[in-house]
């Protein structure tokens, strides 16, 4: 770990070597601010640093399962949800809630697959009863 005496201060943004020549020091001017209960990194231009998109693998897996189960029912591989739940060894209620994911708007599904959903959105919120009208789904999830 560097002590203050090991560090040679230089202009912001230009890399400098420590006195022992083993450490490269880069200064990046940022500010940490609180917004909505979260800390945010703000650049010198006062623009917030946008987070990288983060795909929620739990949600993506549930979407895949839902569409696979829907296909199994539509292809009449299983005639009822009860039969399918028994074959998959899962709770019938969970299967029904997960199947509702196939009713999400294409725009919402695309956002989920691209990682553009709200950071606070969880699978449990998606499994709740949502409006079947696509325009109202995003508003319901924003609440």
Foldseek 3Di string as FASTA:
>chain_A
DDDPQQDDDDDAQDWDATPVRPDIDHHADWDWDDDPNDIFIAHPVRDTDDDDQDADVVQVVLLVLLVVVVVCCVVPVDVDLVVVCVVVVHDSLVNVLSVCSVLADPVVVVCNRRRNDDPPDDVVQSSPDADSPRVRRVVSRVD
